[in-house]
C-alpha atoms as a PDB file:
ATOM      1  CA  MET A   1     118.850  86.943  97.312  1.00  0.00           C
ATOM      2  CA  SER A   2     115.710  85.799  98.864  1.00  0.00           C
ATOM      3  CA  ALA A   3     112.299  84.791  97.477  1.00  0.00           C
ATOM      4  CA  PRO A   4     110.103  88.134  99.568  1.00  0.00           C
ATOM      5  CA  VAL A   5     112.884  90.018  98.734  1.00  0.00           C
ATOM      6  CA  VAL A   6     112.017  89.272  94.781  1.00  0.00           C
ATOM      7  CA  THR A   7     108.880  89.503  95.690  1.00  0.00           C
ATOM      8  CA  GLY A   8     108.799  92.913  96.679  1.00  0.00           C
ATOM      9  CA  ARG A   9     110.542  94.138  93.952  1.00  0.00           C
ATOM     10  CA  PHE A  10     108.428  92.884  92.031  1.00  0.00           C
ATOM     11  CA  ASP A  11     105.159  93.970  93.245  1.00  0.00           C
ATOM     12  CA  ILE A  12     106.591  97.611  93.107  1.00  0.00           C
ATOM     13  CA  LEU A  13     108.067  97.077  89.904  1.00  0.00           C
ATOM     14  CA  LEU A  14     104.850  95.538  88.083  1.00  0.00           C
ATOM     15  CA  PHE A  15     102.548  99.033  90.238  1.00  0.00           C
ATOM     16  CA  ALA A  16     105.434 101.281  88.474  1.00  0.00           C
ATOM     17  CA  ILE A  17     105.206 100.007  85.284  1.00  0.00           C
ATOM     18  CA  HIS A  18     101.409 100.474  85.422  1.00  0.00           C
ATOM     19  CA  LEU A  19     101.249 104.070  86.572  1.00  0.00           C
ATOM     20  CA  ARG A  20     103.851 104.929  83.825  1.00  0.00           C
ATOM     21  CA  GLN A  21     101.378 103.430  81.528  1.00  0.00           C
ATOM     22  CA  GLY A  22      99.808 106.702  80.894  1.00  0.00           C
ATOM     23  CA  THR A  23      96.227 105.735  81.104  1.00  0.00           C
ATOM     24  CA  SER A  24      93.748 108.732  82.089  1.00  0.00           C
ATOM     25  CA  PHE A  25      92.220 108.493  85.378  1.00  0.00           C
ATOM     26  CA  TYR A  26      88.659 107.622  83.795  1.00  0.00           C
ATOM     27  CA  THR A  27      90.109 104.520  81.643  1.00  0.00           C
ATOM     28  CA  GLY A  28      91.756 101.817  81.857  1.00  0.00           C
ATOM     29  CA  PHE A  29      89.401  99.191  83.724  1.00  0.00           C
ATOM     30  CA  THR A  30      89.748  95.644  83.912  1.00  0.00           C
ATOM     31  CA  ARG A  31      87.312  93.025  82.184  1.00  0.00           C
ATOM     32  CA  GLN A  32      86.731  91.072  85.083  1.00  0.00           C
ATOM     33  CA  CYS A  33      85.907  94.513  87.094  1.00  0.00           C
ATOM     34  CA  LYS A  34      83.479  95.687  84.594  1.00  0.00           C
ATOM     35  CA  GLY A  35      82.161  92.291  84.569  1.00  0.00           C
ATOM     36  CA  LEU A  36      82.044  92.637  88.215  1.00  0.00           C
ATOM     37  CA  ALA A  37      79.804  95.782  88.653  1.00  0.00           C
ATOM     38  CA  VAL A  38      77.523  94.186  85.777  1.00  0.00           C
ATOM     39  CA  VAL A  39      77.336  91.362  88.582  1.00  0.00           C
ATOM     40  CA  LEU A  40      76.617  94.453  91.765  1.00  0.00           C
ATOM     41  CA  VAL A  41      74.352  96.094  89.492  1.00  0.00           C
ATOM     42  CA  ILE A  42      72.090  93.621  88.054  1.00  0.00           C
ATOM     43  CA  GLY A  43      71.839  92.458  91.671  1.00  0.00           C
ATOM     44  CA  HIS A  44      70.891  95.179  92.962  1.00  0.00           C
ATOM     45  CA  ILE A  45      67.955  95.820  90.074  1.00  0.00           C
ATOM     46  CA  VAL A  46      67.121  92.952  90.592  1.00  0.00           C
ATOM     47  CA  VAL A  47      65.976  93.176  93.988  1.00  0.00           C
ATOM     48  CA  GLN A  48      64.615  96.548  93.513  1.00  0.00           C
ATOM     49  CA  ILE A  49      62.168  95.119  90.631  1.00  0.00           C
ATOM     50  CA  PHE A  50      61.753  92.025  93.297  1.00  0.00           C
ATOM     51  CA  PRO A  51      61.508  93.326  96.995  1.00  0.00           C
ATOM     52  CA  SER A  52      60.725  89.414  97.908  1.00  0.00           C
ATOM     53  CA  ALA A  53      64.615  88.497  96.568  1.00  0.00           C
ATOM     54  CA  VAL A  54      66.650  89.988  99.273  1.00  0.00           C
ATOM     55  CA  GLY A  55      65.343  86.829 101.555  1.00  0.00           C
ATOM     56  CA  TYR A  56      66.997  84.538  99.579  1.00  0.00           C
ATOM     57  CA  LEU A  57      69.929  86.351  98.466  1.00  0.00           C
ATOM     58  CA  ALA A  58      70.894  88.443 101.408  1.00  0.00           C
ATOM     59  CA  LEU A  59      72.193  86.892 105.279  1.00  0.00           C
ATOM     60  CA  ILE A  60      69.487  86.655 106.962  1.00  0.00           C
ATOM     61  CA  PRO A  61      70.975  85.540 110.217  1.00  0.00           C
ATOM     62  CA  ALA A  62      67.818  83.533 112.254  1.00  0.00           C
ATOM     63  CA  ASN A  63      67.296  81.666 108.980  1.00  0.00           C
ATOM     64  CA  PHE A  64      71.492  80.491 108.231  1.00  0.00           C
ATOM     65  CA  TRP A  65      70.625  79.538 111.825  1.00  0.00           C
ATOM     66  CA  VAL A  66      68.022  77.047 111.504  1.00  0.00           C
ATOM     67  CA  PHE A  67      70.195  75.911 108.292  1.00  0.00           C
ATOM     68  CA  LEU A  68      72.957  74.501 110.496  1.00  0.00           C
ATOM     69  CA  TYR A  69      70.515  73.469 113.505  1.00  0.00           C
ATOM     70  CA  VAL A  70      68.719  71.825 111.035  1.00  0.00           C
ATOM     71  CA  ALA A  71      71.547  69.471 109.499  1.00  0.00           C
ATOM     72  CA  GLY A  72      72.482  69.208 113.142  1.00  0.00           C
ATOM     73  CA  LEU A  73      69.450  67.450 113.691  1.00  0.00           C
ATOM     74  CA  PHE A  74      70.501  65.325 110.392  1.00  0.00           C
ATOM     75  CA  LEU A  75      74.072  64.707 110.637  1.00  0.00           C
ATOM     76  CA  PHE A  76      73.750  63.995 114.641  1.00  0.00           C
ATOM     77  CA  GLY A  77      70.040  63.104 115.458  1.00  0.00           C
ATOM     78  CA  VAL A  78      68.512  65.197 118.223  1.00  0.00           C
ATOM     79  CA  GLY A  79      69.542  64.011 120.787  1.00  0.00           C
ATOM     80  CA  ARG A  80      73.104  64.064 120.360  1.00  0.00           C
ATOM     81  CA  TRP A  81      73.396  67.333 118.867  1.00  0.00           C
ATOM     82  CA  GLY A  82      71.288  68.876 121.415  1.00  0.00           C
ATOM     83  CA  ARG A  83      73.614  67.412 124.160  1.00  0.00           C
ATOM     84  CA  ARG A  84      76.305  69.019 122.350  1.00  0.00           C
ATOM     85  CA  CYS A  85      74.885  72.285 121.927  1.00  0.00           C
ATOM     86  CA  LYS A  86      73.630  72.604 124.282  1.00  0.00           C
ATOM     87  CA  LEU A  87      70.005  74.923 122.641  1.00  0.00           C
ATOM     88  CA  GLN A  88      67.468  75.103 124.564  1.00  0.00           C
ATOM     89  CA  CYS A  89      63.667  74.887 122.869  1.00  0.00           C
ATOM     90  CA  SER A  90      63.543  78.698 123.943  1.00  0.00           C
ATOM     91  CA  TYR A  91      66.498  80.070 122.012  1.00  0.00           C
ATOM     92  CA  ILE A  92      65.360  78.052 119.142  1.00  0.00           C
ATOM     93  CA  LEU A  93      61.845  78.663 118.604  1.00  0.00           C
ATOM     94  CA  PRO A  94      61.643  82.462 117.601  1.00  0.00           C
ATOM     95  CA  LEU A  95      64.432  81.218 114.775  1.00  0.00           C
ATOM     96  CA  MET A  96      61.578  79.006 113.432  1.00  0.00           C
ATOM     97  CA  TYR A  97      58.743  81.540 112.524  1.00  0.00           C
ATOM     98  CA  CYS A  98      61.057  82.598 109.550  1.00  0.00           C
ATOM     99  CA  ARG A  99      59.494  84.173 106.430  1.00  0.00           C
ATOM    100  CA  THR A 100      61.461  82.134 103.714  1.00  0.00           C
ATOM    101  CA  ILE A 101      63.551  78.617 104.822  1.00  0.00           C
ATOM    102  CA  PRO A 102      66.799  79.023 105.065  1.00  0.00           C
ATOM    103  CA  PHE A 103      69.878  79.042 102.231  1.00  0.00           C
ATOM    104  CA  ALA A 104      73.187  78.269 102.707  1.00  0.00           C
ATOM    105  CA  TRP A 105      74.081  79.945 100.246  1.00  0.00           C
ATOM    106  CA  ASN A 106      73.595  83.786 101.608  1.00  0.00           C
ATOM    107  CA  LEU A 107      77.204  83.573 102.862  1.00  0.00           C
ATOM    108  CA  LEU A 108      78.307  83.594  99.238  1.00  0.00           C
ATOM    109  CA  THR A 109      75.685  85.643  97.285  1.00  0.00           C
ATOM    110  CA  ALA A 110      74.925  88.361 100.160  1.00  0.00           C
ATOM    111  CA  GLY A 111      78.246  90.171  99.206  1.00  0.00           C
ATOM    112  CA  TYR A 112      77.443  90.905  95.641  1.00  0.00           C
ATOM    113  CA  ILE A 113      73.763  92.466  97.045  1.00  0.00           C
ATOM    114  CA  GLU A 114      73.454  96.107  96.920  1.00  0.00           C
ATOM    115  CA  GLN A 115      70.668  96.876  99.196  1.00  0.00           C
ATOM    116  CA  SER A 116      70.948 100.835  98.322  1.00  0.00           C
ATOM    117  CA  VAL A 117      71.138 103.322  94.963  1.00  0.00           C
ATOM    118  CA  HIS A 118      74.194 105.568  97.023  1.00  0.00           C
ATOM    119  CA  GLY A 119      75.356 101.702  98.332  1.00  0.00           C
ATOM    120  CA  ILE A 120      75.447 100.247  94.421  1.00  0.00           C
ATOM    121  CA  ILE A 121      77.282 103.623  93.155  1.00  0.00           C
ATOM    122  CA  ILE A 122      80.362 103.342  95.871  1.00  0.00           C
ATOM    123  CA  THR A 123      80.606  99.804  95.168  1.00  0.00           C
ATOM    124  CA  ALA A 124      80.958  99.836  91.543  1.00  0.00           C
ATOM    125  CA  LEU A 125      83.229 102.887  91.435  1.00  0.00           C
ATOM    126  CA  GLY A 126      85.301 101.885  94.523  1.00  0.00           C
ATOM    127  CA  LEU A 127      85.821  97.642  92.276  1.00  0.00           C
ATOM    128  CA  LEU A 128      86.189  99.777  88.985  1.00  0.00           C
ATOM    129  CA  PHE A 129      89.029 102.001  90.183  1.00  0.00           C
ATOM    130  CA  ILE A 130      90.631 100.138  92.827  1.00  0.00           C
ATOM    131  CA  GLY A 131      90.599  96.988  91.102  1.00  0.00           C
ATOM    132  CA  LYS A 132      92.588  98.548  88.018  1.00  0.00           C
ATOM    133  CA  LEU A 133      95.128  98.652  90.827  1.00  0.00           C
ATOM    134  CA  LEU A 134      95.177  95.597  92.101  1.00  0.00           C
ATOM    135  CA  GLU A 135      94.566  93.544  89.371  1.00  0.00           C
ATOM    136  CA  PRO A 136      97.673  93.854  87.539  1.00  0.00           C
ATOM    137  CA  ILE A 137      99.852  92.888  90.148  1.00  0.00           C
ATOM    138  CA  TRP A 138      97.772  90.452  91.952  1.00  0.00           C
ATOM    139  CA  GLY A 139      96.664  88.551  88.695  1.00  0.00           C
ATOM    140  CA  SER A 140      92.898  88.322  87.627  1.00  0.00           C
ATOM    141  CA  ARG A 141      93.129  84.655  88.630  1.00  0.00           C
ATOM    142  CA  GLU A 142      94.526  85.752  92.602  1.00  0.00           C
ATOM    143  CA  PHE A 143      92.024  88.639  92.440  1.00  0.00           C
ATOM    144  CA  LEU A 144      88.925  86.400  92.106  1.00  0.00           C
ATOM    145  CA  LYS A 145      90.700  84.369  94.417  1.00  0.00           C
ATOM    146  CA  PHE A 146      90.914  87.710  97.324  1.00  0.00           C
ATOM    147  CA  ILE A 147      87.470  88.426  96.049  1.00  0.00           C
ATOM    148  CA  PHE A 148      85.613  84.905  96.535  1.00  0.00           C
ATOM    149  CA  ILE A 149      87.753  84.284  99.971  1.00  0.00           C
ATOM    150  CA  VAL A 150      87.362  87.926 101.600  1.00  0.00           C
ATOM    151  CA  ASN A 151      83.761  87.998 100.996  1.00  0.00           C
ATOM    152  CA  PHE A 152      82.661  84.636 102.168  1.00  0.00           C
ATOM    153  CA  LEU A 153      84.860  84.690 105.725  1.00  0.00           C
ATOM    154  CA  THR A 154      83.497  88.440 106.480  1.00  0.00           C
ATOM    155  CA  SER A 155      79.550  86.901 105.786  1.00  0.00           C
ATOM    156  CA  LEU A 156      80.505  84.603 108.380  1.00  0.00           C
ATOM    157  CA  GLY A 157      81.611  86.444 110.673  1.00  0.00           C
ATOM    158  CA  VAL A 158      78.827  88.900 110.133  1.00  0.00           C
ATOM    159  CA  PHE A 159      76.605  85.844 110.988  1.00  0.00           C
ATOM    160  CA  ILE A 160      78.744  84.889 114.280  1.00  0.00           C
ATOM    161  CA  THR A 161      78.267  88.570 115.135  1.00  0.00           C
ATOM    162  CA  ALA A 162      74.417  88.487 114.571  1.00  0.00           C
ATOM    163  CA  ILE A 163      73.849  85.797 116.433  1.00  0.00           C
ATOM    164  CA  SER A 164      75.951  86.413 119.434  1.00  0.00           C
ATOM    165  CA  LEU A 165      74.954  90.153 119.563  1.00  0.00           C
ATOM    166  CA  TYR A 166      71.162  88.519 119.720  1.00  0.00           C
ATOM    167  CA  TYR A 167      71.595  86.157 122.387  1.00  0.00           C
ATOM    168  CA  ILE A 168      73.630  89.087 124.581  1.00  0.00           C
ATOM    169  CA  THR A 169      70.497  91.718 124.085  1.00  0.00           C
ATOM    170  CA  ARG A 170      67.710  89.268 123.056  1.00  0.00           C
ATOM    171  CA  GLN A 171      66.872  91.676 120.580  1.00  0.00           C
ATOM    172  CA  GLU A 172      65.055  89.434 117.562  1.00  0.00           C
ATOM    173  CA  ASN A 173      66.115  92.611 114.866  1.00  0.00           C
ATOM    174  CA  TYR A 174      69.944  91.467 114.903  1.00  0.00           C
ATOM    175  CA  LEU A 175      68.715  88.029 113.677  1.00  0.00           C
ATOM    176  CA  TYR A 176      66.118  89.173 110.430  1.00  0.00           C
ATOM    177  CA  MET A 177      67.661  91.996 109.499  1.00  0.00           C
ATOM    178  CA  PRO A 178      68.931  91.318 105.756  1.00  0.00           C
ATOM    179  CA  ILE A 179      72.240  92.229 105.723  1.00  0.00           C
ATOM    180  CA  SER A 180      74.528  92.445 102.358  1.00  0.00           C
ATOM    181  CA  GLY A 181      76.580  94.673 100.406  1.00  0.00           C
ATOM    182  CA  PHE A 182      80.356  94.672  98.460  1.00  0.00           C
ATOM    183  CA  HIS A 183      81.586  96.264 101.068  1.00  0.00           C
ATOM    184  CA  GLY A 184      83.482  93.816 103.276  1.00  0.00           C
ATOM    185  CA  VAL A 185      85.204  93.029  99.862  1.00  0.00           C
ATOM    186  CA  LEU A 186      86.021  96.919  98.782  1.00  0.00           C
ATOM    187  CA  SER A 187      87.834  97.398 102.574  1.00  0.00           C
ATOM    188  CA  GLY A 188      90.143  94.264 101.956  1.00  0.00           C
ATOM    189  CA  PHE A 189      91.518  96.471  98.779  1.00  0.00           C
ATOM    190  CA  LEU A 190      91.930  99.256 101.328  1.00  0.00           C
ATOM    191  CA  VAL A 191      94.426  96.734 103.207  1.00  0.00           C
ATOM    192  CA  GLY A 192      96.030  95.491  99.453  1.00  0.00           C
ATOM    193  CA  ILE A 193      96.818  99.436  98.493  1.00  0.00           C
ATOM    194  CA  LYS A 194      98.230  99.281 102.239  1.00  0.00           C
ATOM    195  CA  GLN A 195     100.480  96.473 101.045  1.00  0.00           C
ATOM    196  CA  ILE A 196     101.665  97.285  97.824  1.00  0.00           C
ATOM    197  CA  ILE A 197     102.015 101.061  98.396  1.00  0.00           C
ATOM    198  CA  PRO A 198     101.995 101.946 102.121  1.00  0.00           C
ATOM    199  CA  ASP A 199     103.610 105.496 101.758  1.00  0.00           C
ATOM    200  CA  GLN A 200     102.142 107.283  98.671  1.00  0.00           C
ATOM    201  CA  GLU A 201     100.722 109.881  99.299  1.00  0.00           C
ATOM    202  CA  LEU A 202      96.904 110.967  98.150  1.00  0.00           C
ATOM    203  CA  SER A 203      97.490 114.345  96.107  1.00  0.00           C
ATOM    204  CA  SER A 204      94.380 115.675  97.740  1.00  0.00           C
ATOM    205  CA  LEU A 205      94.218 114.633 101.576  1.00  0.00           C
ATOM    206  CA  ARG A 206      98.084 114.538 102.112  1.00  0.00           C
ATOM    207  CA  ILE A 207      97.564 111.170 103.544  1.00  0.00           C
ATOM    208  CA  LYS A 208      99.677 107.590 102.623  1.00  0.00           C
ATOM    209  CA  ALA A 209      97.956 104.805 101.675  1.00  0.00           C
ATOM    210  CA  LYS A 210      99.096 102.432 104.526  1.00  0.00           C
ATOM    211  CA  TRP A 211      96.472 104.490 106.948  1.00  0.00           C
ATOM    212  CA  LEU A 212      93.311 104.388 104.695  1.00  0.00           C
ATOM    213  CA  PRO A 213      91.844 100.747 106.154  1.00  0.00           C
ATOM    214  CA  SER A 214      92.361 102.551 109.785  1.00  0.00           C
ATOM    215  CA  ILE A 215      90.854 105.980 108.667  1.00  0.00           C
ATOM    216  CA  THR A 216      87.701 104.121 107.071  1.00  0.00           C
ATOM    217  CA  LEU A 217      86.956 101.937 110.062  1.00  0.00           C
ATOM    218  CA  LEU A 218      87.150 104.741 112.061  1.00  0.00           C
ATOM    219  CA  LEU A 219      85.164 107.171 110.230  1.00  0.00           C
ATOM    220  CA  ALA A 220      82.654 104.231 110.434  1.00  0.00           C
ATOM    221  CA  ILE A 221      83.095 103.731 114.096  1.00  0.00           C
ATOM    222  CA  VAL A 222      82.348 106.935 114.418  1.00  0.00           C
ATOM    223  CA  ILE A 223      79.214 107.584 112.402  1.00  0.00           C
ATOM    224  CA  SER A 224      77.193 104.340 113.365  1.00  0.00           C
ATOM    225  CA  PHE A 225      77.122 106.673 117.286  1.00  0.00           C
ATOM    226  CA  PHE A 226      74.902 108.441 114.989  1.00  0.00           C
ATOM    227  CA  THR A 227      73.189 105.662 112.519  1.00  0.00           C
ATOM    228  CA  VAL A 228      70.064 103.131 113.497  1.00  0.00           C
ATOM    229  CA  ASP A 229      71.610 100.384 112.368  1.00  0.00           C
ATOM    230  CA  PRO A 230      74.884 100.089 112.497  1.00  0.00           C
ATOM    231  CA  ALA A 231      74.905  96.921 112.796  1.00  0.00           C
ATOM    232  CA  LEU A 232      74.287  96.169 108.747  1.00  0.00           C
ATOM    233  CA  TYR A 233      77.916  97.869 107.916  1.00  0.00           C
ATOM    234  CA  LEU A 234      79.793  97.989 111.179  1.00  0.00           C
ATOM    235  CA  PRO A 235      80.484  94.791 111.231  1.00  0.00           C
ATOM    236  CA  THR A 236      81.027  93.535 106.965  1.00  0.00           C
ATOM    237  CA  LEU A 237      83.935  96.800 107.406  1.00  0.00           C
ATOM    238  CA  MET A 238      85.680  95.227 109.812  1.00  0.00           C
ATOM    239  CA  PHE A 239      85.405  91.814 109.551  1.00  0.00           C
ATOM    240  CA  GLY A 240      86.558  92.520 105.872  1.00  0.00           C
ATOM    241  CA  THR A 241      89.787  94.252 106.569  1.00  0.00           C
ATOM    242  CA  TYR A 242      90.648  91.582 109.234  1.00  0.00           C
ATOM    243  CA  PHE A 243      89.960  88.603 106.452  1.00  0.00           C
ATOM    244  CA  GLY A 244      91.867  91.109 103.986  1.00  0.00           C
ATOM    245  CA  TRP A 245      94.800  91.500 106.340  1.00  0.00           C
ATOM    246  CA  ILE A 246      94.189  87.562 107.167  1.00  0.00           C
ATOM    247  CA  TYR A 247      94.391  86.663 103.259  1.00  0.00           C
ATOM    248  CA  LEU A 248      97.425  89.178 102.082  1.00  0.00           C
ATOM    249  CA  ARG A 249      99.371  88.657 105.313  1.00  0.00           C
ATOM    250  CA  TYR A 250      99.054  84.173 104.967  1.00  0.00           C
ATOM    251  CA  MET A 251      97.603  83.012 102.250  1.00  0.00           C
ATOM    252  CA  GLN A 252      97.995  85.044  98.972  1.00  0.00           C
ATOM    253  CA  ARG A 253     100.501  82.883  96.094  1.00  0.00           C
ATOM    254  CA  LYS A 254     102.987  84.798  95.049  1.00  0.00           C
ATOM    255  CA  PRO A 255     103.138  83.281  91.539  1.00  0.00           C
ATOM    256  CA  GLU A 256     106.634  84.373  90.628  1.00  0.00           C
ATOM    257  CA  THR A 257     107.823  82.831  93.837  1.00  0.00           C
ATOM    258  CA  LYS A 258     105.381  79.925  94.574  1.00  0.00           C
ATOM    259  CA  LEU A 259     105.419  81.568  98.527  1.00  0.00           C
ATOM    260  CA  LYS A 260     102.528  82.301 100.493  1.00  0.00           C
ATOM    261  CA  GLY A 261     101.706  85.957 102.477  1.00  0.00           C
ATOM    262  CA  ASP A 262     104.068  88.868 103.047  1.00  0.00           C
ATOM    263  CA  PRO A 263     105.900  88.347 106.749  1.00  0.00           C
ATOM    264  CA  SER A 264     107.416  91.924 106.655  1.00  0.00           C
ATOM    265  CA  ASP A 265     107.107  94.157 109.507  1.00  0.00           C
ATOM    266  CA  ASP A 266     105.808  97.069 107.197  1.00  0.00           C
ATOM    267  CA  PHE A 267     102.267  94.703 107.094  1.00  0.00           C
ATOM    268  CA  ALA A 268     101.709  93.655 110.346  1.00  0.00           C
ATOM    269  CA  PHE A 269      98.854  93.863 112.365  1.00  0.00           C
ATOM    270  CA  SER A 270      99.926  96.595 114.538  1.00  0.00           C
ATOM    271  CA  THR A 271     100.894  98.810 111.513  1.00  0.00           C
ATOM    272  CA  PHE A 272      96.956  99.718 111.683  1.00  0.00           C
ATOM    273  CA  PHE A 273      97.778 101.478 115.281  1.00  0.00           C
ATOM    274  CA  PRO A 274      99.230 104.299 116.294  1.00  0.00           C
ATOM    275  CA  GLU A 275     102.826 103.842 117.153  1.00  0.00           C
ATOM    276  CA  PHE A 276     102.194 104.116 120.782  1.00  0.00           C
ATOM    277  CA  LEU A 277      99.459 101.332 120.839  1.00  0.00           C
ATOM    278  CA  ARG A 278     101.821  98.664 118.880  1.00  0.00           C
ATOM    279  CA  PRO A 279     104.048  97.737 121.815  1.00  0.00           C
ATOM    280  CA  VAL A 280     100.792  96.560 123.333  1.00  0.00           C
ATOM    281  CA  ILE A 281      99.475  94.973 119.824  1.00  0.00           C
ATOM    282  CA  ASP A 282     102.438  93.630 118.580  1.00  0.00           C
ATOM    283  CA  PRO A 283     102.130  90.507 121.620  1.00  0.00           C
ATOM    284  CA  ILE A 284      98.884  89.950 121.106  1.00  0.00           C
ATOM    285  CA  ALA A 285      98.749  90.146 116.988  1.00  0.00           C
ATOM    286  CA  SER A 286     101.991  87.292 117.547  1.00  0.00           C
ATOM    287  CA  VAL A 287      99.409  84.800 117.929  1.00  0.00           C
ATOM    288  CA  PHE A 288      98.314  84.523 114.172  1.00  0.00           C
ATOM    289  CA  ASP A 289     102.250  83.148 113.423  1.00  0.00           C
ATOM    290  CA  ARG A 290     101.906  81.075 115.502  1.00  0.00           C
ATOM    291  CA  ILE A 291      98.420  79.841 114.133  1.00  0.00           C
ATOM    292  CA  PHE A 292      99.189  79.787 110.728  1.00  0.00           C
ATOM    293  CA  CYS A 293     102.533  79.626 110.324  1.00  0.00           C
ATOM    294  CA  GLY A 294     103.701  77.835 113.246  1.00  0.00           C
ATOM    295  CA  ARG A 295     106.547  80.418 114.696  1.00  0.00           C
ATOM    296  CA  SER A 296     106.621  83.318 116.220  1.00  0.00           C
ATOM    297  CA  GLU A 297     106.083  87.111 114.546  1.00  0.00           C
ATOM    298  CA  GLY A 298     110.202  88.116 115.578  1.00  0.00           C
ATOM    299  CA  SER A 299     111.756  84.969 113.790  1.00  0.00           C
ATOM    300  CA  ASP A 300     113.050  86.457 110.954  1.00  0.00           C
ATOM    301  CA  ASP A 301     115.437  83.577 109.811  1.00  0.00           C
ATOM    302  CA  GLU A 302     112.426  81.450 109.610  1.00  0.00           C
ATOM    303  CA  ARG A 303     111.092  84.215 107.036  1.00  0.00           C
ATOM    304  CA  GLY A 304     113.989  84.090 104.288  1.00  0.00           C
ATOM    305  CA  HIS A 305     114.981  88.269 105.657  1.00  0.00           C
ATOM    306  CA  THR A 306     118.223  87.278 106.953  1.00  0.00           C
ATOM    307  CA  LEU A 307     121.212  84.471 106.933  1.00  0.00           C
ATOM    308  CA  GLY A 308     122.864  83.767 109.633  1.00  0.00           C
ATOM    309  CA  GLY A 309     121.667  86.938 112.121  1.00  0.00           C
ATOM    310  CA  ALA A 310     122.992  88.903 109.166  1.00  0.00           C
ATOM    311  CA  PRO A 311     120.021  90.845 106.698  1.00  0.00           C
ATOM    312  CA  LEU A 312     120.224  89.427 102.787  1.00  0.00           C
ATOM    313  CA  PRO A 313     121.736  91.300 100.438  1.00  0.00           C
ATOM    314  CA  GLY A 314     118.710  94.075  99.134  1.00  0.00           C
ATOM    315  CA  SER A 315     116.537  93.312 101.674  1.00  0.00           C
ATOM    316  CA  ASP A 316     117.047  97.115 102.710  1.00  0.00           C
ATOM    317  CA  SER A 317     116.764  98.782  99.292  1.00  0.00           C
ATOM    318  CA  VAL A 318     113.234  97.090  99.522  1.00  0.00           C
ATOM    319  CA  GLU A 319     111.833  98.626 102.582  1.00  0.00           C
ATOM    320  CA  ALA A 320     113.363 101.671 101.158  1.00  0.00           C
ATOM    321  CA  SER A 321     111.483 101.501  97.722  1.00  0.00           C
ATOM    322  CA  ARG A 322     108.357 100.993  99.443  1.00  0.00           C
ATOM    323  CA  ARG A 323     109.022 103.873 101.375  1.00  0.00           C
ATOM    324  CA  ARG A 324     109.560 105.708  98.360  1.00  0.00           C
END
């Protein structure tokens, strides 16, 4: 039996044991999730008492862009850096009027700062309830690693998006809006639920768990048409979902098999979309396999699911267990 098959059964077994422990819905939160929730609450209190702290902890694209520019000057010299990046003074000078100095650590701290009351309530509760499902299966170390990597990559993606929107629209509000929040990691957690229990129905909504990330993004896009600054939350949700899938698909290490990622077809990128769109999405998504794994999506032999063109024993039962 192949390692991916063993991994799938092990995850399902752990989840089943966790569900049958008899713990109440409002108990069983892990220490790590409680500690992270306290960090989020403390961060919220700090920015409420000291509003100026937002400029030091949240991600302000202009600040970090100036940091990259200044770092380039030191590394490559004024002439070489200017020629390489083809930056004109008219693009850089507006960024120099920042009220705070550029802090590179904003890419790390921004994800743990909630500026609104409803934001801290949603993220703290989401962390506690989703974390108590994922952490026992992933392990504490892998759980923290997921949060750290997804948070950093999400902040980086949001920064690039904000700078791109500024160059396209020339609206300076994209440069100076303080972006922060844990909702990017929460959207990545929803991808983790999709991976572990894809066909589990939510009792109240009658929606399968595999559609949670897609529905969340769809609702966020619809709401963005009726809000003033959708750039404050929409890119974070989108990049959190995307990089959460990237990490779980290609990077997450399985301690029981020492393998990385989840190559199953049920967790392909196209499964975030309706059935009729998947024939269009699959060829595009195959690029990810070539980049991360050096293979095409349809190569089952390299994934360990087949042996000499025949399915390995137990493969079908794992898929059936995941569907149940």
